[in-house]
Amino acid sequence: MSDPGTVAAAATGAVAAVGTQTAAAYLVPTAMVYFGTVVPGVGTIFASGGMVATMQTFAMASSGPVAIVGGATAVVAKLGYNWWTGG
């Protein structure tokens, strides 16, 4: 991984994944109102495994593993692009 482009791709992927996680955390309340049924005194009822549940899980995940997966995905994408274009 001595190629500066690969290192930059890893850093970009890690930052993008953590940024997406932060955005998901801020959007969970809005998604709950939009996708769920608000029951006064109870909370919001929504489908298990649906959009809101997935956003909550992603938002609550530790940033370390999210950044590692994001960085690794970006490196694989960069290496695949280099292989595909012959670069």
C-alpha atoms as a PDB file:
ATOM      1  CA  MET A   1       0.000   0.000   0.000  1.00  0.00           C
ATOM      2  CA  SER A   2       2.841   2.401  -0.783  1.00  0.00           C
ATOM      3  CA  ASP A   3       0.886   4.062  -3.623  1.00  0.00           C
ATOM      4  CA  PRO A   4      -0.221   7.507  -2.371  1.00  0.00           C
ATOM      5  CA  GLY A   5      -3.487   7.168  -4.308  1.00  0.00           C
ATOM      6  CA  THR A   6      -4.349   3.987  -2.429  1.00  0.00           C
ATOM      7  CA  VAL A   7      -3.601   5.613   0.927  1.00  0.00           C
ATOM      8  CA  ALA A   8      -5.748   8.614  -0.052  1.00  0.00           C
ATOM      9  CA  ALA A   9      -8.568   6.277  -1.114  1.00  0.00           C
ATOM     10  CA  ALA A  10      -8.423   4.496   2.244  1.00  0.00           C
ATOM     11  CA  ALA A  11      -8.533   7.789   4.147  1.00  0.00           C
ATOM     12  CA  THR A  12     -11.373   9.108   1.990  1.00  0.00           C
ATOM     13  CA  GLY A  13     -13.365   5.909   2.453  1.00  0.00           C
ATOM     14  CA  ALA A  14     -12.901   5.967   6.214  1.00  0.00           C
ATOM     15  CA  VAL A  15     -13.947   9.619   6.501  1.00  0.00           C
ATOM     16  CA  ALA A  16     -16.930   9.104   4.186  1.00  0.00           C
ATOM     17  CA  ALA A  17     -18.142   6.114   6.202  1.00  0.00           C
ATOM     18  CA  VAL A  18     -17.930   7.983   9.513  1.00  0.00           C
ATOM     19  CA  GLY A  19     -19.603  11.027   7.926  1.00  0.00           C
ATOM     20  CA  THR A  20     -22.434   8.855   6.654  1.00  0.00           C
ATOM     21  CA  GLN A  21     -22.778   7.323  10.113  1.00  0.00           C
ATOM     22  CA  THR A  22     -23.065  10.787  11.662  1.00  0.00           C
ATOM     23  CA  ALA A  23     -25.674  11.843   9.096  1.00  0.00           C
ATOM     24  CA  ALA A  24     -27.683   8.682   9.795  1.00  0.00           C
ATOM     25  CA  ALA A  25     -27.666   9.473  13.522  1.00  0.00           C
ATOM     26  CA  TYR A  26     -29.112  12.928  12.870  1.00  0.00           C
ATOM     27  CA  LEU A  27     -31.754  11.604  10.447  1.00  0.00           C
ATOM     28  CA  VAL A  28     -33.102   8.783  12.661  1.00  0.00           C
ATOM     29  CA  PRO A  29     -35.777  10.918  14.422  1.00  0.00           C
ATOM     30  CA  THR A  30     -37.070  12.267  11.101  1.00  0.00           C
ATOM     31  CA  ALA A  31     -37.113   8.794   9.594  1.00  0.00           C
ATOM     32  CA  MET A  32     -39.008   7.459  12.612  1.00  0.00           C
ATOM     33  CA  VAL A  33     -41.796  10.003  12.090  1.00  0.00           C
ATOM     34  CA  TYR A  34     -41.830   9.438   8.324  1.00  0.00           C
ATOM     35  CA  PHE A  35     -41.689   5.623   8.254  1.00  0.00           C
ATOM     36  CA  GLY A  36     -43.280   4.764  11.599  1.00  0.00           C
ATOM     37  CA  THR A  37     -46.480   5.292  13.512  1.00  0.00           C
ATOM     38  CA  VAL A  38     -46.175   7.677  16.448  1.00  0.00           C
ATOM     39  CA  VAL A  39     -48.189   6.438  19.439  1.00  0.00           C
ATOM     40  CA  PRO A  40     -48.517   9.092  22.185  1.00  0.00           C
ATOM     41  CA  GLY A  41     -47.118   7.872  25.497  1.00  0.00           C
ATOM     42  CA  VAL A  42     -45.585   4.795  23.856  1.00  0.00           C
ATOM     43  CA  GLY A  43     -43.157   5.932  21.162  1.00  0.00           C
ATOM     44  CA  THR A  44     -42.785   5.120  17.508  1.00  0.00           C
ATOM     45  CA  ILE A  45     -43.710   1.757  16.055  1.00  0.00           C
ATOM     46  CA  PHE A  46     -41.979   0.728  12.850  1.00  0.00           C
ATOM     47  CA  ALA A  47     -41.068  -2.432  10.970  1.00  0.00           C
ATOM     48  CA  SER A  48     -38.309  -4.595  12.381  1.00  0.00           C
ATOM     49  CA  GLY A  49     -35.385  -4.743   9.963  1.00  0.00           C
ATOM     50  CA  GLY A  50     -36.769  -1.799   7.997  1.00  0.00           C
ATOM     51  CA  MET A  51     -35.170   1.487   7.028  1.00  0.00           C
ATOM     52  CA  VAL A  52     -35.295   3.054  10.511  1.00  0.00           C
ATOM     53  CA  ALA A  53     -33.972  -0.056  12.269  1.00  0.00           C
ATOM     54  CA  THR A  54     -31.081  -0.226   9.803  1.00  0.00           C
ATOM     55  CA  MET A  55     -30.302   3.469  10.293  1.00  0.00           C
ATOM     56  CA  GLN A  56     -30.366   3.100  14.087  1.00  0.00           C
ATOM     57  CA  THR A  57     -28.029   0.114  13.978  1.00  0.00           C
ATOM     58  CA  PHE A  58     -25.606   1.886  11.641  1.00  0.00           C
ATOM     59  CA  ALA A  59     -25.740   5.116  13.671  1.00  0.00           C
ATOM     60  CA  MET A  60     -24.989   3.288  16.932  1.00  0.00           C
ATOM     61  CA  ALA A  61     -22.110   1.205  15.554  1.00  0.00           C
ATOM     62  CA  SER A  62     -18.670   2.121  16.843  1.00  0.00           C
ATOM     63  CA  SER A  63     -16.837   4.506  14.524  1.00  0.00           C
ATOM     64  CA  GLY A  64     -13.693   2.341  14.493  1.00  0.00           C
ATOM     65  CA  PRO A  65     -15.133  -0.655  12.629  1.00  0.00           C
ATOM     66  CA  VAL A  66     -17.159   1.645  10.362  1.00  0.00           C
ATOM     67  CA  ALA A  67     -14.007   3.542   9.390  1.00  0.00           C
ATOM     68  CA  ILE A  68     -12.066   0.312   8.828  1.00  0.00           C
ATOM     69  CA  VAL A  69     -14.766  -1.121   6.562  1.00  0.00           C
ATOM     70  CA  GLY A  70     -15.093   2.192   4.706  1.00  0.00           C
ATOM     71  CA  GLY A  71     -11.345   2.434   4.195  1.00  0.00           C
ATOM     72  CA  ALA A  72     -11.020  -1.194   3.112  1.00  0.00           C
ATOM     73  CA  THR A  73     -13.895  -0.820   0.658  1.00  0.00           C
ATOM     74  CA  ALA A  74     -12.282   2.269  -0.854  1.00  0.00           C
ATOM     75  CA  VAL A  75      -8.931   0.471  -1.231  1.00  0.00           C
ATOM     76  CA  VAL A  76     -10.587  -2.482  -2.952  1.00  0.00           C
ATOM     77  CA  ALA A  77     -12.458  -0.075  -5.243  1.00  0.00           C
ATOM     78  CA  LYS A  78      -9.230   1.795  -6.053  1.00  0.00           C
ATOM     79  CA  LEU A  79      -7.314  -1.407  -6.774  1.00  0.00           C
ATOM     80  CA  GLY A  80     -10.187  -2.704  -8.910  1.00  0.00           C
ATOM     81  CA  TYR A  81     -10.277   0.573 -10.837  1.00  0.00           C
ATOM     82  CA  ASN A  82      -6.518   0.414 -11.413  1.00  0.00           C
ATOM     83  CA  TRP A  83      -6.803  -3.176 -12.633  1.00  0.00           C
ATOM     84  CA  TRP A  84      -9.775  -2.356 -14.894  1.00  0.00           C
ATOM     85  CA  THR A  85      -8.115   0.695 -16.478  1.00  0.00           C
ATOM     86  CA  GLY A  86      -4.640  -0.807 -16.569  1.00  0.00           C
ATOM     87  CA  GLY A  87      -3.320   1.953 -14.294  1.00  0.00           C
END
